[in-house]
Amino acid sequence: MVADRADGQAEAGGRLIGPARRERLVPALIALMGVPCLAFAAPLPWPALAAALVVVGAGFAFGLGVQEAFRDALPERGRGQAFGLLSTGLMTAQGLLPALAGLLAEGLAPGAVIGLLGGATLVAAAGAAPGFVRRQHRREQQQRAGDRRRDDQVDPVPLG
């Protein structure tokens, strides 16, 4: 699922960064997508805004850590169906969120809308952080207890 990304970010991140570190970086990478968007609320020259978008693109590498955690939380038997539902949900959001941004732009300046969505991304990063911290803590506990599974094989963290 992850290896077929056309942009190469996931592949590069997967080869250069181990699974545990990728997961630790998920909230930071999500935030990396939001912070540069805040620049659009200021009157900056277009090269600065283009550079901000490059930084936003680098943040998309968060997907590897999220997909690994998602995979590990699923029973093996239902993984294919779950990833299909995840893909459908992501595609739906990719269609609905630009429409929402367009509605917001009816009343706000486009730069303000992009900045607002960047702020929403930062809220999402803050929301994701506790789950990934708990997962990392669980991984460390398993390793201290002598569990010799590979670094990418951690028990799921119970939700709730």
Protein backbone atom coordinates (compact mmCIF):
# COMPACT_ATOMS: atom_id res chain seq x y z
CA MET A 1 0.00 0.00 0.00
CA VAL A 2 2.71 2.47 0.97
CA ALA A 3 5.30 1.53 -1.63
CA ASP A 4 3.11 2.58 -4.55
CA ARG A 5 3.09 6.30 -3.68
CA ALA A 6 4.04 8.23 -6.77
CA ASP A 7 5.63 11.21 -5.02
CA GLY A 8 8.54 9.23 -3.61
CA GLN A 9 8.29 10.82 -0.15
CA ALA A 10 6.99 7.68 1.49
CA GLU A 11 9.63 5.51 -0.14
CA ALA A 12 12.46 7.84 0.85
CA GLY A 13 11.13 8.14 4.40
CA GLY A 14 10.72 4.37 4.62
CA ARG A 15 14.28 3.69 3.58
CA LEU A 16 15.98 6.39 5.62
CA ILE A 17 14.01 6.29 8.87
CA GLY A 18 13.20 3.21 10.96
CA PRO A 19 9.61 2.34 11.95
CA ALA A 20 9.85 3.56 15.55
CA ARG A 21 11.29 6.93 14.56
CA ARG A 22 8.72 7.32 11.75
CA GLU A 23 5.95 6.91 14.29
CA ARG A 24 7.55 9.38 16.69
CA LEU A 25 7.71 11.90 13.85
CA VAL A 26 4.04 11.62 12.84
CA PRO A 27 2.73 14.55 14.92
CA ALA A 28 5.70 16.72 13.91
CA LEU A 29 5.23 15.90 10.23
CA ILE A 30 1.52 16.70 10.45
CA ALA A 31 2.43 20.01 12.08
CA LEU A 32 4.97 20.56 9.30
CA MET A 33 2.04 20.56 6.90
CA GLY A 34 0.16 23.17 8.93
CA VAL A 35 2.75 25.73 9.99
CA PRO A 36 3.74 26.87 6.48
CA CYS A 37 0.08 27.40 5.61
CA LEU A 38 -0.06 30.13 8.24
CA ALA A 39 2.28 32.15 6.01
CA PHE A 40 -0.54 32.56 3.48
CA ALA A 41 -2.36 34.83 5.92
CA ALA A 42 0.49 37.37 5.57
CA PRO A 43 1.25 39.43 2.47
CA LEU A 44 4.38 37.55 1.38
CA PRO A 45 5.92 37.40 -2.10
CA TRP A 46 5.01 34.38 -4.19
CA PRO A 47 8.49 32.74 -3.97
CA ALA A 48 8.15 32.61 -0.18
CA LEU A 49 4.71 31.06 -0.48
CA ALA A 50 6.00 28.55 -3.04
CA ALA A 51 8.76 27.57 -0.62
CA ALA A 52 6.13 27.14 2.10
CA LEU A 53 4.26 24.71 -0.14
CA VAL A 54 7.44 22.66 -0.64
CA VAL A 55 7.69 22.33 3.15
CA VAL A 56 4.02 21.33 3.30
CA GLY A 57 4.75 18.59 0.77
CA ALA A 58 7.55 17.18 2.92
CA GLY A 59 5.07 16.79 5.77
CA PHE A 60 3.07 14.27 3.76
CA ALA A 61 5.65 11.68 4.77
CA PHE A 62 3.57 11.33 7.96
CA GLY A 63 1.49 8.77 6.06
CA LEU A 64 3.99 5.97 6.59
CA GLY A 65 3.85 6.15 10.36
CA VAL A 66 0.08 6.42 10.35
CA GLN A 67 -0.36 3.48 7.99
CA GLU A 68 1.95 1.30 10.09
CA ALA A 69 0.01 2.09 13.26
CA PHE A 70 -3.28 1.51 11.43
CA ARG A 71 -2.06 -1.84 10.08
CA ASP A 72 -0.87 -3.00 13.49
CA ALA A 73 -4.21 -2.11 15.09
CA LEU A 74 -6.12 -4.39 12.72
CA PRO A 75 -6.62 -8.13 12.78
CA GLU A 76 -4.78 -9.73 9.87
CA ARG A 77 -7.96 -11.12 8.38
CA GLY A 78 -9.64 -7.73 7.86
CA ARG A 79 -6.66 -5.61 6.83
CA GLY A 80 -7.43 -5.48 3.13
CA GLN A 81 -11.00 -4.35 3.68
CA ALA A 82 -9.90 -1.82 6.33
CA PHE A 83 -7.31 -0.28 4.00
CA GLY A 84 -9.95 -0.10 1.27
CA LEU A 85 -12.26 1.78 3.63
CA LEU A 86 -9.38 4.05 4.68
CA SER A 87 -8.63 4.84 1.06
CA THR A 88 -12.28 5.59 0.36
CA GLY A 89 -12.48 7.88 3.38
CA LEU A 90 -9.33 9.74 2.36
CA MET A 91 -10.59 10.24 -1.18
CA THR A 92 -13.91 11.51 0.17
CA ALA A 93 -12.12 14.01 2.42
CA GLN A 94 -9.93 15.09 -0.50
CA GLY A 95 -13.11 15.98 -2.36
CA LEU A 96 -15.08 17.56 0.48
CA LEU A 97 -12.38 19.66 2.14
CA PRO A 98 -11.59 21.76 -0.94
CA ALA A 99 -15.31 22.39 -1.32
CA LEU A 100 -15.41 23.53 2.32
CA ALA A 101 -12.38 25.77 1.70
CA GLY A 102 -14.20 27.26 -1.29
CA LEU A 103 -17.23 28.02 0.85
CA LEU A 104 -15.01 29.70 3.43
CA ALA A 105 -13.34 31.71 0.66
CA GLU A 106 -16.72 33.17 -0.23
CA GLY A 107 -16.50 35.21 2.96
CA LEU A 108 -12.77 35.32 3.70
CA ALA A 109 -9.66 36.14 1.72
CA PRO A 110 -8.05 33.03 0.17
CA GLY A 111 -4.87 33.53 2.20
CA ALA A 112 -6.92 33.69 5.39
CA VAL A 113 -8.67 30.43 4.47
CA ILE A 114 -5.35 28.67 3.84
CA GLY A 115 -4.03 30.02 7.14
CA LEU A 116 -7.18 28.84 8.93
CA LEU A 117 -6.81 25.36 7.45
CA GLY A 118 -3.15 25.38 8.50
CA GLY A 119 -4.32 26.10 12.04
CA ALA A 120 -6.79 23.21 11.82
CA THR A 121 -3.91 20.98 10.72
CA LEU A 122 -1.96 22.00 13.84
CA VAL A 123 -4.96 21.06 15.98
CA ALA A 124 -5.01 17.65 14.23
CA ALA A 125 -1.30 17.21 14.96
CA ALA A 126 -1.89 17.98 18.62
CA GLY A 127 -4.74 15.47 18.65
CA ALA A 128 -2.61 12.75 17.06
CA ALA A 129 0.34 13.19 19.40
CA PRO A 130 -1.03 11.41 22.51
CA GLY A 131 -1.90 8.24 20.60
CA PHE A 132 1.52 8.00 19.04
CA VAL A 133 3.21 8.71 22.38
CA ARG A 134 1.19 5.89 23.99
CA ARG A 135 2.10 3.57 21.13
CA GLN A 136 5.79 4.41 21.47
CA HIS A 137 5.60 3.86 25.23
CA ARG A 138 3.98 0.45 24.65
CA ARG A 139 6.75 -0.47 22.20
CA GLU A 140 9.42 0.46 24.77
CA GLN A 141 7.65 -1.58 27.46
CA GLN A 142 7.56 -4.64 25.19
CA GLN A 143 11.25 -4.27 24.42
CA ARG A 144 12.16 -3.91 28.12
CA ALA A 145 10.10 -7.02 28.89
CA GLY A 146 12.26 -9.00 26.49
CA ASP A 147 9.82 -9.09 23.60
CA ARG A 148 12.07 -9.73 20.60
CA ARG A 149 9.64 -8.82 17.84
CA ARG A 150 10.87 -6.56 15.10
CA ASP A 151 10.61 -2.83 15.69
CA ASP A 152 7.51 -2.59 13.49
CA GLN A 153 5.57 -5.29 15.36
CA VAL A 154 3.97 -3.69 18.38
CA ASP A 155 0.76 -4.67 20.10
CA PRO A 156 -2.09 -2.28 19.36
CA VAL A 157 -2.83 0.39 21.92
CA PRO A 158 -6.36 -0.01 23.25
CA LEU A 159 -8.58 2.91 22.31
CA GLY A 160 -10.38 4.84 24.97
